[in-house]
Structure formats: C-alpha cells, structure tokens
Amino acid sequence: MNVQGMGSLSGDVVDADSNPLANVTVHGEDTNFTTMTDSNGHYHFAYFPQGDYNVTASLHGYVDNTLPISVIENEESNLNFTL
C-alpha cells in the first residue's frame, strides 16, 4: 500500500469467552469508514486516513466497545475488540 495520507486498519472482535463474533459493525468515529466483521470475527479497512481516532465495535445484544487508535501513513494498524 502506498496511498498518500492513508494507512490500513484491521483486527478481530470476540466475545467475553474469546469466541469470534460475525456481523459486528466497526466504525471510525468522525469518519465515513464503516465495515463489518466476517464469520471469523475479522475486519479490515484496506485504506483508512492517517490520524488519531476512536473506533467503535457494535453488535445488537452486546455493549459497544470504543478504543483509541493512531493510524500511521503507509502502515498496517491493528485493533482488537472484546464485546
């Protein structure tokens, strides 16, 4: 990846028993970037703007989890959630 001003962001979302959670919405606050986890609880943004963000994972029936992340240009950032 080499897109100016962009990095990438990915991670996994699990429940309290470490079971992967599918169909979790993952959203970068103050951005238009939203995706969902796959059947293995994994999400991936191939391009995410560099900067400091709060990212929220949410799924009906679970308490939302919001975590901070610093996305660095041309680097892969990893952020995992437990709901």
Protein backbone atom coordinates (compact mmCIF):
# COMPACT_ATOMS: atom_id res chain seq x y z
CA MET A 1 0.00 0.00 0.00
CA ASN A 2 1.29 3.44 -0.84
CA VAL A 3 -1.60 5.90 -0.90
CA GLN A 4 -0.71 9.34 0.43
CA GLY A 5 -2.32 10.11 3.78
CA MET A 6 -3.68 6.59 4.22
CA GLY A 7 -2.83 3.59 6.35
CA SER A 8 -4.77 0.38 6.88
CA LEU A 9 -6.63 -0.91 9.90
CA SER A 10 -7.67 -4.44 10.82
CA GLY A 11 -8.37 -6.64 13.78
CA ASP A 12 -10.63 -9.20 15.38
CA VAL A 13 -13.77 -8.96 17.50
CA VAL A 14 -14.52 -11.63 20.11
CA ASP A 15 -16.97 -12.13 22.96
CA ALA A 16 -16.01 -12.48 26.64
CA ASP A 17 -15.25 -16.19 26.05
CA SER A 18 -12.90 -15.35 23.13
CA ASN A 19 -15.38 -16.66 20.53
CA PRO A 20 -15.21 -14.72 17.25
CA LEU A 21 -18.22 -12.50 16.52
CA ALA A 22 -19.56 -12.18 12.98
CA ASN A 23 -21.51 -9.21 11.60
CA VAL A 24 -20.12 -6.73 14.11
CA THR A 25 -20.19 -3.14 12.82
CA VAL A 26 -16.79 -1.43 13.14
CA HIS A 27 -16.85 2.34 12.65
CA GLY A 28 -14.23 5.08 12.83
CA GLU A 29 -15.82 7.98 14.70
CA ASP A 30 -15.83 11.28 12.80
CA THR A 31 -15.23 9.36 9.54
CA ASN A 32 -17.37 7.74 6.86
CA PHE A 33 -15.44 4.49 7.33
CA THR A 34 -17.59 1.54 8.42
CA THR A 35 -17.24 -2.20 7.84
CA MET A 36 -18.43 -5.47 9.32
CA THR A 37 -16.63 -8.50 10.66
CA ASP A 38 -16.61 -11.73 8.69
CA SER A 39 -17.59 -15.17 10.02
CA ASN A 40 -14.22 -15.38 11.82
CA GLY A 41 -14.71 -12.06 13.61
CA HIS A 42 -12.12 -10.33 11.43
CA TYR A 43 -12.47 -6.86 9.89
CA HIS A 44 -10.19 -4.94 7.54
CA PHE A 45 -10.02 -1.43 6.14
CA ALA A 46 -7.54 -1.51 3.24
CA TYR A 47 -7.39 2.29 3.33
CA PHE A 48 -8.02 4.37 6.46
CA PRO A 49 -6.97 8.03 6.85
CA GLN A 50 -3.90 8.65 8.95
CA GLY A 51 -4.56 10.25 12.33
CA ASP A 52 -5.89 9.62 15.80
CA TYR A 53 -9.36 8.10 16.07
CA ASN A 54 -11.83 6.41 18.34
CA VAL A 55 -13.11 3.24 16.70
CA THR A 56 -16.29 1.54 17.88
CA ALA A 57 -17.35 -2.10 17.54
CA SER A 58 -21.07 -2.72 17.99
CA LEU A 59 -23.44 -5.66 17.75
CA HIS A 60 -27.06 -5.88 18.86
CA GLY A 61 -27.24 -7.60 22.23
CA TYR A 62 -23.73 -6.56 23.29
CA VAL A 63 -22.30 -3.45 24.92
CA ASP A 64 -20.45 -1.28 22.37
CA ASN A 65 -16.67 -1.05 22.79
CA THR A 66 -14.80 2.09 21.74
CA LEU A 67 -10.99 2.15 21.63
CA PRO A 68 -8.42 4.75 20.53
CA ILE A 69 -6.02 4.12 17.63
CA SER A 70 -3.33 6.08 15.82
CA VAL A 71 -3.27 5.21 12.13
CA ILE A 72 0.09 5.92 10.50
CA GLU A 73 0.53 6.63 6.80
CA ASN A 74 1.55 3.54 4.78
CA GLU A 75 1.45 1.27 7.85
CA GLU A 76 -0.91 -1.50 8.99
CA SER A 77 -2.57 -0.76 12.34
CA ASN A 78 -4.20 -3.49 14.40
CA LEU A 79 -7.05 -3.02 16.86
CA ASN A 80 -8.87 -5.92 18.55
CA PHE A 81 -12.14 -5.69 20.46
CA THR A 82 -13.93 -7.73 23.10
CA LEU A 83 -17.69 -7.24 23.38
